[in-house]
Amino acid sequence: MRVTKKSLYCCISYRALEVKNSGILAKLAEKCEREGTTPEIVKVFAALDWFVDEFPIGGYGKFPKSRPVAWYEKLLAELDEAIEKAYAILAEQPESRTEVM
């Protein structure tokens, strides 16, 4: 199967839709409110938010066609990396807090 700009755009937009529907952005914001903001959280949040805003489903017709396929492949890899980092951040437990049962 041939990889095209449009197929990569669709992959990115569906992954961005998964991010939007999963509530991961809200969970990152809640973590910042509870534990404080870190540069890593801000970077991951900004990246995910950008993908959600810039890659709507069905928005390929409005996207610049001058970009090469490799550019879209790089963006898809960046999105996947940001999603992995977000889940890793959310899985981290605060070090200073001790749970008492």
PDB file of N, CA and C in Angstrom:
ATOM      1  N   MET A   1       0.839  -1.179   0.000  1.00  0.00           N
ATOM      2  CA  MET A   1       0.000   0.000   0.000  1.00  0.00           C
ATOM      3  C   MET A   1       0.885   1.244   0.000  1.00  0.00           C
ATOM      4  N   ARG A   2       0.540   2.176  -0.815  1.00  0.00           N
ATOM      5  CA  ARG A   2       1.296   3.410  -0.929  1.00  0.00           C
ATOM      6  C   ARG A   2       0.881   4.402   0.158  1.00  0.00           C
ATOM      7  N   VAL A   3       1.859   5.009   0.777  1.00  0.00           N
ATOM      8  CA  VAL A   3       1.594   6.024   1.794  1.00  0.00           C
ATOM      9  C   VAL A   3       1.492   7.368   1.088  1.00  0.00           C
ATOM     10  N   THR A   4       0.391   8.054   1.321  1.00  0.00           N
ATOM     11  CA  THR A   4       0.183   9.357   0.692  1.00  0.00           C
ATOM     12  C   THR A   4       0.056  10.431   1.763  1.00  0.00           C
ATOM     13  N   LYS A   5       0.127  11.664   1.325  1.00  0.00           N
ATOM     14  CA  LYS A   5      -0.047  12.780   2.252  1.00  0.00           C
ATOM     15  C   LYS A   5      -1.425  12.710   2.901  1.00  0.00           C
ATOM     16  N   LYS A   6      -2.421  12.407   2.075  1.00  0.00           N
ATOM     17  CA  LYS A   6      -3.790  12.367   2.590  1.00  0.00           C
ATOM     18  C   LYS A   6      -3.967  11.238   3.604  1.00  0.00           C
ATOM     19  N   SER A   7      -3.387  10.065   3.341  1.00  0.00           N
ATOM     20  CA  SER A   7      -3.533   8.959   4.298  1.00  0.00           C
ATOM     21  C   SER A   7      -2.826   9.288   5.614  1.00  0.00           C
ATOM     22  N   LEU A   8      -1.681   9.936   5.534  1.00  0.00           N
ATOM     23  CA  LEU A   8      -0.978  10.333   6.758  1.00  0.00           C
ATOM     24  C   LEU A   8      -1.747  11.418   7.499  1.00  0.00           C
ATOM     25  N   TYR A   9      -2.318  12.378   6.753  1.00  0.00           N
ATOM     26  CA  TYR A   9      -3.142  13.414   7.380  1.00  0.00           C
ATOM     27  C   TYR A   9      -4.295  12.754   8.135  1.00  0.00           C
ATOM     28  N   CYS A  10      -4.930  11.776   7.498  1.00  0.00           N
ATOM     29  CA  CYS A  10      -6.058  11.084   8.135  1.00  0.00           C
ATOM     30  C   CYS A  10      -5.611  10.362   9.402  1.00  0.00           C
ATOM     31  N   CYS A  11      -4.457   9.722   9.363  1.00  0.00           N
ATOM     32  CA  CYS A  11      -3.923   9.050  10.559  1.00  0.00           C
ATOM     33  C   CYS A  11      -3.707  10.055  11.684  1.00  0.00           C
ATOM     34  N   ILE A  12      -3.106  11.176  11.347  1.00  0.00           N
ATOM     35  CA  ILE A  12      -2.841  12.214  12.350  1.00  0.00           C
ATOM     36  C   ILE A  12      -4.154  12.749  12.905  1.00  0.00           C
ATOM     37  N   SER A  13      -5.117  13.027  12.029  1.00  0.00           N
ATOM     38  CA  SER A  13      -6.374  13.612  12.494  1.00  0.00           C
ATOM     39  C   SER A  13      -7.158  12.633  13.372  1.00  0.00           C
ATOM     40  N   TYR A  14      -7.124  11.351  13.050  1.00  0.00           N
ATOM     41  CA  TYR A  14      -7.816  10.377  13.900  1.00  0.00           C
ATOM     42  C   TYR A  14      -7.118  10.202  15.242  1.00  0.00           C
ATOM     43  N   ARG A  15      -5.797  10.229  15.255  1.00  0.00           N
ATOM     44  CA  ARG A  15      -5.065  10.159  16.531  1.00  0.00           C
ATOM     45  C   ARG A  15      -5.360  11.416  17.362  1.00  0.00           C
ATOM     46  N   ALA A  16      -5.434  12.579  16.696  1.00  0.00           N
ATOM     47  CA  ALA A  16      -5.767  13.819  17.402  1.00  0.00           C
ATOM     48  C   ALA A  16      -7.185  13.745  17.965  1.00  0.00           C
ATOM     49  N   LEU A  17      -8.095  13.140  17.215  1.00  0.00           N
ATOM     50  CA  LEU A  17      -9.462  12.966  17.700  1.00  0.00           C
ATOM     51  C   LEU A  17      -9.489  12.043  18.918  1.00  0.00           C
ATOM     52  N   GLU A  18      -8.674  11.000  18.906  1.00  0.00           N
ATOM     53  CA  GLU A  18      -8.561  10.111  20.066  1.00  0.00           C
ATOM     54  C   GLU A  18      -8.084  10.887  21.292  1.00  0.00           C
ATOM     55  N   VAL A  19      -7.109  11.772  21.082  1.00  0.00           N
ATOM     56  CA  VAL A  19      -6.600  12.603  22.181  1.00  0.00           C
ATOM     57  C   VAL A  19      -7.724  13.478  22.721  1.00  0.00           C
ATOM     58  N   LYS A  20      -8.452  14.103  21.819  1.00  0.00           N
ATOM     59  CA  LYS A  20      -9.541  14.997  22.215  1.00  0.00           C
ATOM     60  C   LYS A  20     -10.615  14.239  22.994  1.00  0.00           C
ATOM     61  N   ASN A  21     -11.008  13.080  22.499  1.00  0.00           N
ATOM     62  CA  ASN A  21     -12.087  12.320  23.127  1.00  0.00           C
ATOM     63  C   ASN A  21     -11.661  11.583  24.393  1.00  0.00           C
ATOM     64  N   SER A  22     -10.367  11.333  24.553  1.00  0.00           N
ATOM     65  CA  SER A  22      -9.893  10.592  25.726  1.00  0.00           C
ATOM     66  C   SER A  22      -9.882  11.445  26.987  1.00  0.00           C
ATOM     67  N   GLY A  23      -9.883  12.752  26.825  1.00  0.00           N
ATOM     68  CA  GLY A  23      -9.833  13.640  27.981  1.00  0.00           C
ATOM     69  C   GLY A  23      -8.438  13.817  28.547  1.00  0.00           C
ATOM     70  N   ILE A  24      -7.438  13.406  27.790  1.00  0.00           N
ATOM     71  CA  ILE A  24      -6.062  13.474  28.287  1.00  0.00           C
ATOM     72  C   ILE A  24      -5.623  14.923  28.528  1.00  0.00           C
ATOM     73  N   LEU A  25      -6.110  15.859  27.710  1.00  0.00           N
ATOM     74  CA  LEU A  25      -5.746  17.267  27.915  1.00  0.00           C
ATOM     75  C   LEU A  25      -6.308  17.768  29.246  1.00  0.00           C
ATOM     76  N   ALA A  26      -7.541  17.404  29.546  1.00  0.00           N
ATOM     77  CA  ALA A  26      -8.147  17.810  30.816  1.00  0.00           C
ATOM     78  C   ALA A  26      -7.412  17.173  31.995  1.00  0.00           C
ATOM     79  N   LYS A  27      -7.006  15.918  31.835  1.00  0.00           N
ATOM     80  CA  LYS A  27      -6.280  15.227  32.907  1.00  0.00           C
ATOM     81  C   LYS A  27      -4.919  15.876  33.158  1.00  0.00           C
ATOM     82  N   LEU A  28      -4.244  16.293  32.080  1.00  0.00           N
ATOM     83  CA  LEU A  28      -2.964  16.994  32.250  1.00  0.00           C
ATOM     84  C   LEU A  28      -3.175  18.326  32.961  1.00  0.00           C
ATOM     85  N   ALA A  29      -4.239  19.040  32.593  1.00  0.00           N
ATOM     86  CA  ALA A  29      -4.536  20.321  33.243  1.00  0.00           C
ATOM     87  C   ALA A  29      -4.832  20.118  34.730  1.00  0.00           C
ATOM     88  N   GLU A  30      -5.587  19.075  35.057  1.00  0.00           N
ATOM     89  CA  GLU A  30      -5.882  18.776  36.462  1.00  0.00           C
ATOM     90  C   GLU A  30      -4.608  18.455  37.234  1.00  0.00           C
ATOM     91  N   LYS A  31      -3.719  17.700  36.609  1.00  0.00           N
ATOM     92  CA  LYS A  31      -2.448  17.353  37.266  1.00  0.00           C
ATOM     93  C   LYS A  31      -1.641  18.620  37.546  1.00  0.00           C
ATOM     94  N   CYS A  32      -1.653  19.560  36.605  1.00  0.00           N
ATOM     95  CA  CYS A  32      -0.940  20.828  36.812  1.00  0.00           C
ATOM     96  C   CYS A  32      -1.532  21.596  37.985  1.00  0.00           C
ATOM     97  N   GLU A  33      -2.859  21.606  38.092  1.00  0.00           N
ATOM     98  CA  GLU A  33      -3.505  22.318  39.194  1.00  0.00           C
ATOM     99  C   GLU A  33      -3.168  21.684  40.544  1.00  0.00           C
ATOM    100  N   ARG A  34      -3.143  20.358  40.575  1.00  0.00           N
ATOM    101  CA  ARG A  34      -2.872  19.652  41.835  1.00  0.00           C
ATOM    102  C   ARG A  34      -1.414  19.731  42.250  1.00  0.00           C
ATOM    103  N   GLU A  35      -0.516  19.503  41.293  1.00  0.00           N
ATOM    104  CA  GLU A  35       0.893  19.312  41.636  1.00  0.00           C
ATOM    105  C   GLU A  35       1.816  20.409  41.136  1.00  0.00           C
ATOM    106  N   GLY A  36       1.287  21.331  40.385  1.00  0.00           N
ATOM    107  CA  GLY A  36       2.118  22.394  39.842  1.00  0.00           C
ATOM    108  C   GLY A  36       2.542  22.106  38.413  1.00  0.00           C
ATOM    109  N   THR A  37       2.813  23.155  37.713  1.00  0.00           N
ATOM    110  CA  THR A  37       3.180  23.052  36.304  1.00  0.00           C
ATOM    111  C   THR A  37       4.673  22.827  36.161  1.00  0.00           C
ATOM    112  N   THR A  38       5.035  21.937  35.250  1.00  0.00           N
ATOM    113  CA  THR A  38       6.440  21.713  34.920  1.00  0.00           C
ATOM    114  C   THR A  38       6.624  21.989  33.432  1.00  0.00           C
ATOM    115  N   PRO A  39       7.835  22.326  33.021  1.00  0.00           N
ATOM    116  CA  PRO A  39       8.072  22.585  31.594  1.00  0.00           C
ATOM    117  C   PRO A  39       7.715  21.385  30.710  1.00  0.00           C
ATOM    118  N   GLU A  40       7.943  20.176  31.212  1.00  0.00           N
ATOM    119  CA  GLU A  40       7.631  18.982  30.420  1.00  0.00           C
ATOM    120  C   GLU A  40       6.126  18.859  30.176  1.00  0.00           C
ATOM    121  N   ILE A  41       5.329  19.093  31.222  1.00  0.00           N
ATOM    122  CA  ILE A  41       3.876  19.011  31.069  1.00  0.00           C
ATOM    123  C   ILE A  41       3.389  20.079  30.103  1.00  0.00           C
ATOM    124  N   VAL A  42       3.921  21.282  30.218  1.00  0.00           N
ATOM    125  CA  VAL A  42       3.516  22.371  29.328  1.00  0.00           C
ATOM    126  C   VAL A  42       3.841  22.028  27.879  1.00  0.00           C
ATOM    127  N   LYS A  43       5.019  21.477  27.652  1.00  0.00           N
ATOM    128  CA  LYS A  43       5.439  21.120  26.296  1.00  0.00           C
ATOM    129  C   LYS A  43       4.528  20.043  25.701  1.00  0.00           C
ATOM    130  N   VAL A  44       4.241  19.002  26.473  1.00  0.00           N
ATOM    131  CA  VAL A  44       3.382  17.912  25.995  1.00  0.00           C
ATOM    132  C   VAL A  44       1.962  18.421  25.764  1.00  0.00           C
ATOM    133  N   PHE A  45       1.442  19.206  26.709  1.00  0.00           N
ATOM    134  CA  PHE A  45       0.091  19.750  26.574  1.00  0.00           C
ATOM    135  C   PHE A  45      -0.018  20.614  25.324  1.00  0.00           C
ATOM    136  N   ALA A  46       0.970  21.489  25.120  1.00  0.00           N
ATOM    137  CA  ALA A  46       0.947  22.380  23.952  1.00  0.00           C
ATOM    138  C   ALA A  46       1.006  21.588  22.649  1.00  0.00           C
ATOM    139  N   ALA A  47       1.828  20.548  22.616  1.00  0.00           N
ATOM    140  CA  ALA A  47       1.941  19.730  21.403  1.00  0.00           C
ATOM    141  C   ALA A  47       0.622  19.031  21.100  1.00  0.00           C
ATOM    142  N   LEU A  48       0.029  18.405  22.106  1.00  0.00           N
ATOM    143  CA  LEU A  48      -1.235  17.703  21.887  1.00  0.00           C
ATOM    144  C   LEU A  48      -2.344  18.672  21.496  1.00  0.00           C
ATOM    145  N   ASP A  49      -2.389  19.815  22.155  1.00  0.00           N
ATOM    146  CA  ASP A  49      -3.400  20.823  21.844  1.00  0.00           C
ATOM    147  C   ASP A  49      -3.251  21.320  20.410  1.00  0.00           C
ATOM    148  N   TRP A  50      -2.012  21.506  19.959  1.00  0.00           N
ATOM    149  CA  TRP A  50      -1.764  21.954  18.589  1.00  0.00           C
ATOM    150  C   TRP A  50      -2.293  20.928  17.592  1.00  0.00           C
ATOM    151  N   PHE A  51      -2.003  19.657  17.832  1.00  0.00           N
ATOM    152  CA  PHE A  51      -2.479  18.610  16.921  1.00  0.00           C
ATOM    153  C   PHE A  51      -4.002  18.570  16.874  1.00  0.00           C
ATOM    154  N   VAL A  52      -4.648  18.697  18.028  1.00  0.00           N
ATOM    155  CA  VAL A  52      -6.114  18.672  18.069  1.00  0.00           C
ATOM    156  C   VAL A  52      -6.682  19.849  17.276  1.00  0.00           C
ATOM    157  N   ASP A  53      -6.075  21.025  17.409  1.00  0.00           N
ATOM    158  CA  ASP A  53      -6.566  22.216  16.702  1.00  0.00           C
ATOM    159  C   ASP A  53      -6.265  22.199  15.212  1.00  0.00           C
ATOM    160  N   GLU A  54      -5.094  21.742  14.837  1.00  0.00           N
ATOM    161  CA  GLU A  54      -4.633  21.859  13.450  1.00  0.00           C
ATOM    162  C   GLU A  54      -5.034  20.703  12.540  1.00  0.00           C
ATOM    163  N   PHE A  55      -5.483  19.598  13.095  1.00  0.00           N
ATOM    164  CA  PHE A  55      -5.785  18.429  12.269  1.00  0.00           C
ATOM    165  C   PHE A  55      -7.209  17.935  12.500  1.00  0.00           C
ATOM    166  N   PRO A  56      -8.203  18.729  12.094  1.00  0.00           N
ATOM    167  CA  PRO A  56      -9.586  18.261  12.250  1.00  0.00           C
ATOM    168  C   PRO A  56      -9.905  17.172  11.228  1.00  0.00           C
ATOM    169  N   ILE A  57     -10.851  16.318  11.563  1.00  0.00           N
ATOM    170  CA  ILE A  57     -11.304  15.292  10.622  1.00  0.00           C
ATOM    171  C   ILE A  57     -11.890  16.005   9.406  1.00  0.00           C
ATOM    172  N   GLY A  58     -11.501  15.579   8.234  1.00  0.00           N
ATOM    173  CA  GLY A  58     -12.026  16.168   7.008  1.00  0.00           C
ATOM    174  C   GLY A  58     -11.391  17.494   6.635  1.00  0.00           C
ATOM    175  N   GLY A  59     -10.333  17.888   7.307  1.00  0.00           N
ATOM    176  CA  GLY A  59      -9.716  19.178   7.045  1.00  0.00           C
ATOM    177  C   GLY A  59      -8.574  19.138   6.056  1.00  0.00           C
ATOM    178  N   TYR A  60      -8.363  17.993   5.411  1.00  0.00           N
ATOM    179  CA  TYR A  60      -7.219  17.854   4.507  1.00  0.00           C
ATOM    180  C   TYR A  60      -7.266  18.857   3.364  1.00  0.00           C
ATOM    181  N   GLY A  61      -8.427  19.169   2.856  1.00  0.00           N
ATOM    182  CA  GLY A  61      -8.552  20.098   1.736  1.00  0.00           C
ATOM    183  C   GLY A  61      -8.032  21.493   2.047  1.00  0.00           C
ATOM    184  N   LYS A  62      -7.985  21.850   3.315  1.00  0.00           N
ATOM    185  CA  LYS A  62      -7.512  23.182   3.716  1.00  0.00           C
ATOM    186  C   LYS A  62      -6.043  23.181   4.106  1.00  0.00           C
ATOM    187  N   PHE A  63      -5.415  22.012   4.067  1.00  0.00           N
ATOM    188  CA  PHE A  63      -4.034  21.895   4.512  1.00  0.00           C
ATOM    189  C   PHE A  63      -3.085  22.084   3.339  1.00  0.00           C
ATOM    190  N   PRO A  64      -1.894  22.681   3.572  1.00  0.00           N
ATOM    191  CA  PRO A  64      -0.955  22.904   2.466  1.00  0.00           C
ATOM    192  C   PRO A  64      -0.495  21.598   1.826  1.00  0.00           C
ATOM    193  N   LYS A  65      -0.613  21.521   0.523  1.00  0.00           N
ATOM    194  CA  LYS A  65      -0.228  20.305  -0.203  1.00  0.00           C
ATOM    195  C   LYS A  65       1.256  20.304  -0.566  1.00  0.00           C
ATOM    196  N   SER A  66       1.933  21.403  -0.322  1.00  0.00           N
ATOM    197  CA  SER A  66       3.339  21.516  -0.715  1.00  0.00           C
ATOM    198  C   SER A  66       4.277  20.731   0.202  1.00  0.00           C
ATOM    199  N   ARG A  67       3.775  20.275   1.333  1.00  0.00           N
ATOM    200  CA  ARG A  67       4.615  19.522   2.271  1.00  0.00           C
ATOM    201  C   ARG A  67       4.865  18.112   1.741  1.00  0.00           C
ATOM    202  N   PRO A  68       6.085  17.586   1.908  1.00  0.00           N
ATOM    203  CA  PRO A  68       6.373  16.221   1.446  1.00  0.00           C
ATOM    204  C   PRO A  68       5.792  15.168   2.404  1.00  0.00           C
ATOM    205  N   VAL A  69       5.704  13.955   1.928  1.00  0.00           N
ATOM    206  CA  VAL A  69       5.196  12.840   2.728  1.00  0.00           C
ATOM    207  C   VAL A  69       6.020  12.688   4.011  1.00  0.00           C
ATOM    208  N   ALA A  70       7.324  12.881   3.922  1.00  0.00           N
ATOM    209  CA  ALA A  70       8.200  12.738   5.093  1.00  0.00           C
ATOM    210  C   ALA A  70       7.810  13.710   6.211  1.00  0.00           C
ATOM    211  N   TRP A  71       7.313  14.887   5.850  1.00  0.00           N
ATOM    212  CA  TRP A  71       6.891  15.875   6.845  1.00  0.00           C
ATOM    213  C   TRP A  71       5.714  15.328   7.645  1.00  0.00           C
ATOM    214  N   TYR A  72       4.756  14.736   6.951  1.00  0.00           N
ATOM    215  CA  TYR A  72       3.602  14.144   7.626  1.00  0.00           C
ATOM    216  C   TYR A  72       4.020  12.949   8.485  1.00  0.00           C
ATOM    217  N   GLU A  73       4.969  12.144   7.986  1.00  0.00           N
ATOM    218  CA  GLU A  73       5.465  11.011   8.770  1.00  0.00           C
ATOM    219  C   GLU A  73       6.120  11.493  10.061  1.00  0.00           C
ATOM    220  N   LYS A  74       6.876  12.582   9.958  1.00  0.00           N
ATOM    221  CA  LYS A  74       7.532  13.152  11.137  1.00  0.00           C
ATOM    222  C   LYS A  74       6.484  13.660  12.136  1.00  0.00           C
ATOM    223  N   LEU A  75       5.444  14.318  11.627  1.00  0.00           N
ATOM    224  CA  LEU A  75       4.390  14.811  12.512  1.00  0.00           C
ATOM    225  C   LEU A  75       3.664  13.668  13.218  1.00  0.00           C
ATOM    226  N   LEU A  76       3.402  12.598  12.493  1.00  0.00           N
ATOM    227  CA  LEU A  76       2.738  11.448  13.104  1.00  0.00           C
ATOM    228  C   LEU A  76       3.612  10.856  14.211  1.00  0.00           C
ATOM    229  N   ALA A  77       4.903  10.768  13.971  1.00  0.00           N
ATOM    230  CA  ALA A  77       5.829  10.264  14.992  1.00  0.00           C
ATOM    231  C   ALA A  77       5.858  11.196  16.206  1.00  0.00           C
ATOM    232  N   GLU A  78       5.838  12.511  15.967  1.00  0.00           N
ATOM    233  CA  GLU A  78       5.824  13.479  17.069  1.00  0.00           C
ATOM    234  C   GLU A  78       4.541  13.361  17.886  1.00  0.00           C
ATOM    235  N   LEU A  79       3.416  13.163  17.204  1.00  0.00           N
ATOM    236  CA  LEU A  79       2.144  13.009  17.907  1.00  0.00           C
ATOM    237  C   LEU A  79       2.156  11.751  18.768  1.00  0.00           C
ATOM    238  N   ASP A  80       2.624  10.653  18.210  1.00  0.00           N
ATOM    239  CA  ASP A  80       2.702   9.407  18.979  1.00  0.00           C
ATOM    240  C   ASP A  80       3.609   9.563  20.198  1.00  0.00           C
ATOM    241  N   GLU A  81       4.729  10.253  20.017  1.00  0.00           N
ATOM    242  CA  GLU A  81       5.657  10.488  21.129  1.00  0.00           C
ATOM    243  C   GLU A  81       5.007  11.351  22.208  1.00  0.00           C
ATOM    244  N   ALA A  82       4.281  12.389  21.801  1.00  0.00           N
ATOM    245  CA  ALA A  82       3.611  13.265  22.765  1.00  0.00           C
ATOM    246  C   ALA A  82       2.539  12.502  23.543  1.00  0.00           C
ATOM    247  N   ILE A  83       1.824  11.614  22.861  1.00  0.00           N
ATOM    248  CA  ILE A  83       0.804  10.812  23.542  1.00  0.00           C
ATOM    249  C   ILE A  83       1.457   9.888  24.567  1.00  0.00           C
ATOM    250  N   GLU A  84       2.546   9.242  24.187  1.00  0.00           N
ATOM    251  CA  GLU A  84       3.265   8.361  25.119  1.00  0.00           C
ATOM    252  C   GLU A  84       3.755   9.138  26.334  1.00  0.00           C
ATOM    253  N   LYS A  85       4.321  10.326  26.098  1.00  0.00           N
ATOM    254  CA  LYS A  85       4.817  11.145  27.207  1.00  0.00           C
ATOM    255  C   LYS A  85       3.674  11.569  28.119  1.00  0.00           C
ATOM    256  N   ALA A  86       2.531  11.912  27.529  1.00  0.00           N
ATOM    257  CA  ALA A  86       1.383  12.339  28.331  1.00  0.00           C
ATOM    258  C   ALA A  86       0.925  11.220  29.254  1.00  0.00           C
ATOM    259  N   TYR A  87       0.820  10.009  28.725  1.00  0.00           N
ATOM    260  CA  TYR A  87       0.417   8.886  29.573  1.00  0.00           C
ATOM    261  C   TYR A  87       1.468   8.593  30.644  1.00  0.00           C
ATOM    262  N   ALA A  88       2.735   8.763  30.318  1.00  0.00           N
ATOM    263  CA  ALA A  88       3.795   8.557  31.309  1.00  0.00           C
ATOM    264  C   ALA A  88       3.707   9.605  32.417  1.00  0.00           C
ATOM    265  N   ILE A  89       3.436  10.841  32.043  1.00  0.00           N
ATOM    266  CA  ILE A  89       3.296  11.918  33.030  1.00  0.00           C
ATOM    267  C   ILE A  89       2.116  11.636  33.947  1.00  0.00           C
ATOM    268  N   LEU A  90       1.008  11.207  33.359  1.00  0.00           N
ATOM    269  CA  LEU A  90      -0.179  10.928  34.165  1.00  0.00           C
ATOM    270  C   LEU A  90       0.014   9.719  35.079  1.00  0.00           C
ATOM    271  N   ALA A  91       0.868   8.799  34.678  1.00  0.00           N
ATOM    272  CA  ALA A  91       1.122   7.604  35.494  1.00  0.00           C
ATOM    273  C   ALA A  91       2.048   7.892  36.668  1.00  0.00           C
ATOM    274  N   GLU A  92       2.816   8.977  36.580  1.00  0.00           N
ATOM    275  CA  GLU A  92       3.747   9.332  37.661  1.00  0.00           C
ATOM    276  C   GLU A  92       2.973   9.702  38.916  1.00  0.00           C
ATOM    277  N   GLN A  93       3.454   9.219  40.026  1.00  0.00           N
ATOM    278  CA  GLN A  93       2.867   9.567  41.314  1.00  0.00           C
ATOM    279  C   GLN A  93       3.693  10.692  41.919  1.00  0.00           C
ATOM    280  N   PRO A  94       3.054  11.637  42.573  1.00  0.00           N
ATOM    281  CA  PRO A  94       3.820  12.701  43.223  1.00  0.00           C
ATOM    282  C   PRO A  94       4.705  12.121  44.322  1.00  0.00           C
ATOM    283  N   GLU A  95       5.949  12.535  44.351  1.00  0.00           N
ATOM    284  CA  GLU A  95       6.924  11.975  45.292  1.00  0.00           C
ATOM    285  C   GLU A  95       6.718  12.471  46.718  1.00  0.00           C
ATOM    286  N   SER A  96       6.278  13.696  46.870  1.00  0.00           N
ATOM    287  CA  SER A  96       6.205  14.285  48.202  1.00  0.00           C
ATOM    288  C   SER A  96       4.959  13.851  48.971  1.00  0.00           C
ATOM    289  N   ARG A  97       4.005  13.263  48.311  1.00  0.00           N
ATOM    290  CA  ARG A  97       2.759  12.890  48.951  1.00  0.00           C
ATOM    291  C   ARG A  97       2.778  11.433  49.396  1.00  0.00           C
ATOM    292  N   THR A  98       2.276  11.171  50.594  1.00  0.00           N
ATOM    293  CA  THR A  98       2.158   9.788  51.050  1.00  0.00           C
ATOM    294  C   THR A  98       0.683   9.514  51.312  1.00  0.00           C
ATOM    295  N   GLU A  99       0.213   8.421  50.774  1.00  0.00           N
ATOM    296  CA  GLU A  99      -1.186   8.046  50.961  1.00  0.00           C
ATOM    297  C   GLU A  99      -1.339   7.350  52.314  1.00  0.00           C
ATOM    298  N   VAL A 100      -2.318   7.762  53.083  1.00  0.00           N
ATOM    299  CA  VAL A 100      -2.612   7.137  54.366  1.00  0.00           C
ATOM    300  C   VAL A 100      -3.991   6.513  54.252  1.00  0.00           C
ATOM    301  N   MET A 101      -4.051   5.233  54.587  1.00  0.00           N
ATOM    302  CA  MET A 101      -5.350   4.547  54.490  1.00  0.00           C
ATOM    303  C   MET A 101      -5.937   4.328  55.842  1.00  0.00           C
TER     304      MET A 101
END
